[in-house]
Amino acid sequence: MTPVARAPAKNRRFTLTTLLGGGLLVIMLLFITVTGITFSRLIDVQQILNSITHSSIPTVIKSARIFSLVNELTYLTESLTHASSQSQRHNAHSAITDKIAEIRQFNQRHGIGEELNQQLQIIEDEQSNLNGLTEQRLEQRHSLLQQENLLVELFQQVQEYQLTLAHSEAQQTAINQWFMFFARLASLSTQVTELRSTDAQLSLRQQIRESLIALRLQQQQLTAQQHVQLMPYLQRLETLLVDDEGLLSLSMNQSRLQTRTTSKGNFVRTLVMDYATQTEYQTYAFSQDILKQSQKSAESVGVQIRLVGIISIAILLLVLGITYLIQRRIVRRLKRLNLLVTEEATSMRGYDDLNGKDEIAEIAHSLTSYASTVVRQREALERQSLTDSLTGIPNRRAFDQRLKRMLRESREREEFFQLLMIDIDFFKAYNDTYGHLAGDAALQQVARCLEKHLQVNGALVARYGGEEFACLLPNCPRSVAEQQVIALLDAVRKLDIPHESSKSAHCITLSLGIGTWNPTAAVDDDTLLRQADEALYVAKREGRNQYR
């Protein structure tokens, strides 16, 4: 048997299987490379997002909270600086102490640096100093008012004495001049507390001393008996004016204390703002680090995106080459073979088995279900954002939206509507007496009563804030609104919710203010709210448990 001769190695050809397998292998390697690069970039992006989620956003939120607390502290510092009574000073100082304690607890919870805590301690110490200065200023002011009252009483006594003083016609001029000097001194003295400038006070003090000297000289021109009778008034006047505890000294001290208090208040406010600035700087520095990391990752992503683009083009070209090879080396040859084998061309007709139960249908069903769920959740979230969590009625945001819409609709239809501002009388005292849980229950009862008894089509009852409610009565004249309000006041009283601390009744009552929107008047929502709020203020000022 003659052995079959093998072809020379140089005449060997790659088979289609080898070519296709090699091409597919290259495509797979390129695909793995692209996948690896993409996965690496996704990990970087995930790390950046995790850093933003767990570090940047909480830091920004923390900074916003610090700013909120600092703004409240600034406002309280102003209140303490300009307190007009000891009770106001005490309340402001207590609120500042509580606010600093809240900031300190916040710092401890979030690991704020020791340097900021030390600065917070300095702020607390300076707030105590400011409180002391304010207390001294108020005490000095009280003493000053007492001296003014004594001066007024002395002037009244001198006037009464003038009516009883008997003298001859020849002495009329001298006595009248004495009383004129005395009256001028009293008039100058009343100006002491009105002056704030130190130079003006010194000038006025010099005028008072000169007037006292003139008064003594004038008194020497009177008779001996009149001189003796008027001397106690003169001595008392000098004591009230120029004594160490007199009106002039007290006024100077009051001016100095006012200046020191104002300066200390400005200093404390500056400390508070420096504290806020340092907190902001820490947040800014942290954000800059995150930004730099993001920029570096973005640059790296850009480079790798270009690399992925080049690889993708290579894959596309390779796929086109393999497609061309299949078309040329397989499809065309098979067609030719088919023509050679058969004399008539035949074709195969295929049908897609599309019965709507494949994976695409399941994916479409899942996406439809997911979209429906998203819509329901969005609607529920929107309803929740417009509802007061305690009472279950619309909140202030819902009220503001409805008010703007009602203004537009009423302007188009030229209809009246009414806005009611409602306040529960002495509700802070109710909370202090019965506790906040009882206060919440009372708010819920009042809210249900408002919804039940406001019988106007399309009416809106909303919780405006705290113990305040607001109502909108569309297409409603003033007379109908007043009937509704009277019935509402009576309905709340009939709830008979005990309120021992109320000064208007034995139970919880309401005060209401009505604002009327007239389509012929160019009134915006702020003006209408201010009108209703002013009416509410009048109702409260005139005894509460009523409407205006």
Foldseek 3Di string as FASTA:
>chain_A
DDDDDDDDPVPDDDDLCRVVVVLVVVLVVLVVVLVVLVVVLVVLVVVLVCCCVVPQVVLVVLLVVLVVLLVVLLVLLVQCLPPQAPVSNVVSLVVNVVSLVVVVVSCVVVVPDPVLVVLSVVLNVLSVVLSVLSVVLNVLVVLLVVLLVVLVVLLVVVVVVVVVDDDDPVCVVLVVVLNVLSVVLNVLLVCLLVDQDPVVLVVSLVVNVVSLVVNVVSLVPDDPVSSVVCVVSSVVSCCQDPNCSHNSVSSVVSSVSSVVSVVSSVVSSVSSVVSSVVSVVVSVVVVVVSVVSVVVSVVVVVVVVVVSVVSVVVSVVSVVVSVVCCVPVPVVVVVVVVVVVDVDDDDDDDDDPDPLPDPVNVVVVVVVVVVVVVVVVVVVVVQVVQADPLQRFGAQVVVVVVQQVLLVVCLVVQAKKKKKKKAKAPLVLVCVVPNVVVSSVLLNVLQVLLVVQQPAPPKGWYAHDDRMIMIMHTRDDPVRVQVSVVVSQVSSVVVVAADCPGPQDRHIGMEMFMFMDGSVDDDDPVRSVVNRVVQSVVCVVVRGSYGD
